[in-house]
C-alpha atoms as a PDB file:
ATOM      1  CA  MET A   1       0.117   0.011   0.049  1.00  0.00           C
ATOM      2  CA  LYS A   2       2.873   2.401   0.680  1.00  0.00           C
ATOM      3  CA  LYS A   3       4.397   1.851  -2.665  1.00  0.00           C
ATOM      4  CA  MET A   4       0.924   2.917  -4.393  1.00  0.00           C
ATOM      5  CA  LEU A   5       0.948   6.260  -2.811  1.00  0.00           C
ATOM      6  CA  PRO A   6       4.047   7.692  -4.565  1.00  0.00           C
ATOM      7  CA  LEU A   7       2.834   6.015  -7.637  1.00  0.00           C
ATOM      8  CA  LEU A   8      -0.547   7.951  -7.189  1.00  0.00           C
ATOM      9  CA  ILE A   9       1.039  11.214  -6.632  1.00  0.00           C
ATOM     10  CA  ILE A  10       3.165  10.792  -9.728  1.00  0.00           C
ATOM     11  CA  THR A  11       0.105   9.811 -11.708  1.00  0.00           C
ATOM     12  CA  ILE A  12      -1.723  13.240 -10.369  1.00  0.00           C
ATOM     13  CA  VAL A  13       1.068  15.216 -11.150  1.00  0.00           C
ATOM     14  CA  PHE A  14       1.338  14.164 -14.630  1.00  0.00           C
ATOM     15  CA  LEU A  15      -2.351  14.507 -15.346  1.00  0.00           C
ATOM     16  CA  SER A  16      -2.569  18.160 -13.847  1.00  0.00           C
ATOM     17  CA  CYS A  17       0.538  19.606 -15.971  1.00  0.00           C
ATOM     18  CA  ASP A  18      -0.124  22.504 -18.601  1.00  0.00           C
ATOM     19  CA  LYS A  19      -1.186  21.571 -22.002  1.00  0.00           C
ATOM     20  CA  ASN A  20       1.560  21.573 -24.570  1.00  0.00           C
ATOM     21  CA  ASP A  21       1.803  23.689 -27.948  1.00  0.00           C
ATOM     22  CA  ASP A  22       0.522  20.595 -29.950  1.00  0.00           C
ATOM     23  CA  ASP A  23      -2.695  21.395 -27.979  1.00  0.00           C
ATOM     24  CA  ILE A  24      -3.239  24.934 -29.267  1.00  0.00           C
ATOM     25  CA  VAL A  25      -6.463  25.248 -31.393  1.00  0.00           C
ATOM     26  CA  ILE A  26      -6.423  27.937 -34.105  1.00  0.00           C
ATOM     27  CA  GLY A  27      -9.767  29.496 -34.957  1.00  0.00           C
ATOM     28  CA  ASN A  28     -11.542  28.600 -38.013  1.00  0.00           C
ATOM     29  CA  ASN A  29     -11.535  32.345 -39.079  1.00  0.00           C
ATOM     30  CA  SER A  30      -8.100  33.234 -38.053  1.00  0.00           C
ATOM     31  CA  LEU A  31      -6.718  33.931 -41.300  1.00  0.00           C
ATOM     32  CA  ALA A  32      -9.511  36.359 -42.402  1.00  0.00           C
ATOM     33  CA  ASP A  33      -9.164  37.899 -38.784  1.00  0.00           C
ATOM     34  CA  ASP A  34      -5.529  38.644 -39.694  1.00  0.00           C
ATOM     35  CA  LEU A  35      -6.279  39.826 -43.258  1.00  0.00           C
ATOM     36  CA  LYS A  36      -8.788  42.206 -41.887  1.00  0.00           C
ATOM     37  CA  GLN A  37      -6.581  43.772 -39.396  1.00  0.00           C
ATOM     38  CA  VAL A  38      -3.798  44.371 -42.309  1.00  0.00           C
ATOM     39  CA  ILE A  39      -6.780  45.660 -44.266  1.00  0.00           C
ATOM     40  CA  GLN A  40      -7.515  48.319 -41.774  1.00  0.00           C
ATOM     41  CA  GLU A  41      -3.784  49.271 -40.768  1.00  0.00           C
ATOM     42  CA  GLU A  42      -2.916  49.694 -44.254  1.00  0.00           C
ATOM     43  CA  GLY A  43      -6.229  51.512 -45.439  1.00  0.00           C
ATOM     44  CA  VAL A  44      -6.671  48.836 -48.040  1.00  0.00           C
ATOM     45  CA  GLN A  45      -9.720  50.114 -50.459  1.00  0.00           C
ATOM     46  CA  ALA A  46      -9.937  47.060 -52.577  1.00  0.00           C
ATOM     47  CA  LEU A  47      -9.167  43.493 -53.086  1.00  0.00           C
ATOM     48  CA  GLN A  48      -7.840  41.657 -56.150  1.00  0.00           C
ATOM     49  CA  THR A  49      -7.169  37.764 -56.752  1.00  0.00           C
ATOM     50  CA  CYS A  50      -4.311  36.365 -58.811  1.00  0.00           C
ATOM     51  CA  CYS A  51      -2.665  33.159 -59.273  1.00  0.00           C
ATOM     52  CA  ILE A  52       1.125  32.606 -58.572  1.00  0.00           C
ATOM     53  CA  GLY A  53       2.774  33.236 -61.890  1.00  0.00           C
ATOM     54  CA  CYS A  54       0.246  34.847 -63.736  1.00  0.00           C
ATOM     55  CA  SER A  55      -0.249  38.570 -64.657  1.00  0.00           C
ATOM     56  CA  CYS A  56      -3.127  39.993 -63.371  1.00  0.00           C
ATOM     57  CA  ALA A  57      -5.009  43.359 -63.561  1.00  0.00           C
ATOM     58  CA  GLN A  58      -8.235  45.152 -62.596  1.00  0.00           C
ATOM     59  CA  THR A  59      -9.830  48.332 -62.950  1.00  0.00           C
ATOM     60  CA  ILE A  60      -9.894  50.803 -60.112  1.00  0.00           C
ATOM     61  CA  GLY A  61     -13.093  50.240 -58.039  1.00  0.00           C
ATOM     62  CA  TRP A  62     -13.804  46.697 -59.339  1.00  0.00           C
ATOM     63  CA  GLY A  63     -12.822  45.041 -55.753  1.00  0.00           C
ATOM     64  CA  LYS A  64     -14.384  47.427 -53.395  1.00  0.00           C
ATOM     65  CA  ASP A  65     -17.331  45.105 -52.821  1.00  0.00           C
ATOM     66  CA  PHE A  66     -15.767  42.446 -50.595  1.00  0.00           C
ATOM     67  CA  SER A  67     -16.381  40.920 -47.099  1.00  0.00           C
ATOM     68  CA  PHE A  68     -15.334  37.922 -44.911  1.00  0.00           C
ATOM     69  CA  PRO A  69     -18.297  35.601 -44.487  1.00  0.00           C
ATOM     70  CA  GLY A  70     -16.526  33.433 -42.270  1.00  0.00           C
ATOM     71  CA  ASP A  71     -14.805  29.993 -42.335  1.00  0.00           C
ATOM     72  CA  ASN A  72     -11.668  31.841 -43.835  1.00  0.00           C
ATOM     73  CA  PHE A  73     -13.752  32.683 -47.001  1.00  0.00           C
ATOM     74  CA  VAL A  74     -13.321  36.140 -48.698  1.00  0.00           C
ATOM     75  CA  ARG A  75     -16.120  37.268 -50.867  1.00  0.00           C
ATOM     76  CA  ILE A  76     -15.259  39.701 -53.688  1.00  0.00           C
ATOM     77  CA  ARG A  77     -18.243  40.688 -55.637  1.00  0.00           C
ATOM     78  CA  ASP A  78     -20.173  37.522 -56.138  1.00  0.00           C
ATOM     79  CA  THR A  79     -17.255  35.058 -55.927  1.00  0.00           C
ATOM     80  CA  ASN A  80     -15.999  33.577 -52.476  1.00  0.00           C
ATOM     81  CA  TYR A  81     -12.399  32.523 -52.323  1.00  0.00           C
ATOM     82  CA  ASN A  82     -10.966  29.987 -49.847  1.00  0.00           C
ATOM     83  CA  LEU A  83      -8.354  31.631 -47.583  1.00  0.00           C
ATOM     84  CA  ASN A  84      -6.880  28.379 -46.659  1.00  0.00           C
ATOM     85  CA  GLU A  85      -5.711  28.261 -50.173  1.00  0.00           C
ATOM     86  CA  LEU A  86      -4.087  31.683 -50.027  1.00  0.00           C
ATOM     87  CA  LYS A  87       0.002  31.412 -50.730  1.00  0.00           C
ATOM     88  CA  GLN A  88       0.648  35.266 -50.417  1.00  0.00           C
ATOM     89  CA  PHE A  89      -0.706  38.655 -50.415  1.00  0.00           C
ATOM     90  CA  LYS A  90       0.861  42.171 -51.116  1.00  0.00           C
ATOM     91  CA  ILE A  91      -0.229  45.610 -50.757  1.00  0.00           C
ATOM     92  CA  GLU A  92       0.085  47.976 -53.754  1.00  0.00           C
ATOM     93  CA  THR A  93      -1.071  51.420 -54.590  1.00  0.00           C
ATOM     94  CA  VAL A  94      -2.606  51.539 -58.278  1.00  0.00           C
ATOM     95  CA  SER A  95      -3.028  54.657 -60.274  1.00  0.00           C
ATOM     96  CA  GLU A  96      -5.364  55.307 -63.153  1.00  0.00           C
ATOM     97  CA  THR A  97      -5.407  58.768 -64.728  1.00  0.00           C
ATOM     98  CA  ASN A  98      -6.285  61.034 -61.442  1.00  0.00           C
ATOM     99  CA  GLU A  99      -7.495  58.162 -59.527  1.00  0.00           C
ATOM    100  CA  THR A 100      -5.362  56.020 -56.720  1.00  0.00           C
ATOM    101  CA  GLU A 101      -6.345  53.015 -54.843  1.00  0.00           C
ATOM    102  CA  VAL A 102      -4.892  51.067 -52.290  1.00  0.00           C
ATOM    103  CA  ARG A 103      -5.293  47.413 -52.936  1.00  0.00           C
ATOM    104  CA  MET A 104      -4.568  43.890 -51.557  1.00  0.00           C
ATOM    105  CA  VAL A 105      -3.524  41.283 -54.107  1.00  0.00           C
ATOM    106  CA  LEU A 106      -4.438  37.662 -52.904  1.00  0.00           C
ATOM    107  CA  PHE A 107      -2.302  35.219 -54.775  1.00  0.00           C
ATOM    108  CA  PHE A 108      -3.581  31.722 -54.775  1.00  0.00           C
ATOM    109  CA  PRO A 109      -2.046  28.565 -56.710  1.00  0.00           C
ATOM    110  CA  ARG A 110      -4.491  28.596 -59.132  1.00  0.00           C
ATOM    111  CA  ARG A 111      -7.950  30.286 -59.265  1.00  0.00           C
ATOM    112  CA  VAL A 112     -10.247  29.046 -56.607  1.00  0.00           C
ATOM    113  CA  PRO A 113     -13.552  30.706 -56.578  1.00  0.00           C
ATOM    114  CA  ILE A 114     -16.597  29.236 -54.961  1.00  0.00           C
ATOM    115  CA  ASN A 115     -19.659  30.594 -56.793  1.00  0.00           C
ATOM    116  CA  ILE A 116     -22.525  31.307 -54.344  1.00  0.00           C
ATOM    117  CA  ASN A 117     -25.265  31.800 -56.572  1.00  0.00           C
END
């Protein structure tokens, strides 16, 4: 019986230890939340998507209709994009004649729109 007491104490100590880093859970919308923060800090006015290795362009004002509906998706106009597929992004200032726009360009490995209509 005396030998059982130390074993019981050791077991209780191991069970009461803090969780390690492997037990950290990342929220379902964490990437979208990070992008929203960058958009706010950088004064981004529009979003654009592009695939890696592609040349992409859009007119000023086209990507101003965007939102983050949840589950790591971004909606630009009528198309949703899965942010889990996002490889990189950049912020750029685009100018056309007398207009300028601060734009976030989202780069995906390929076009990954999900139509919701």
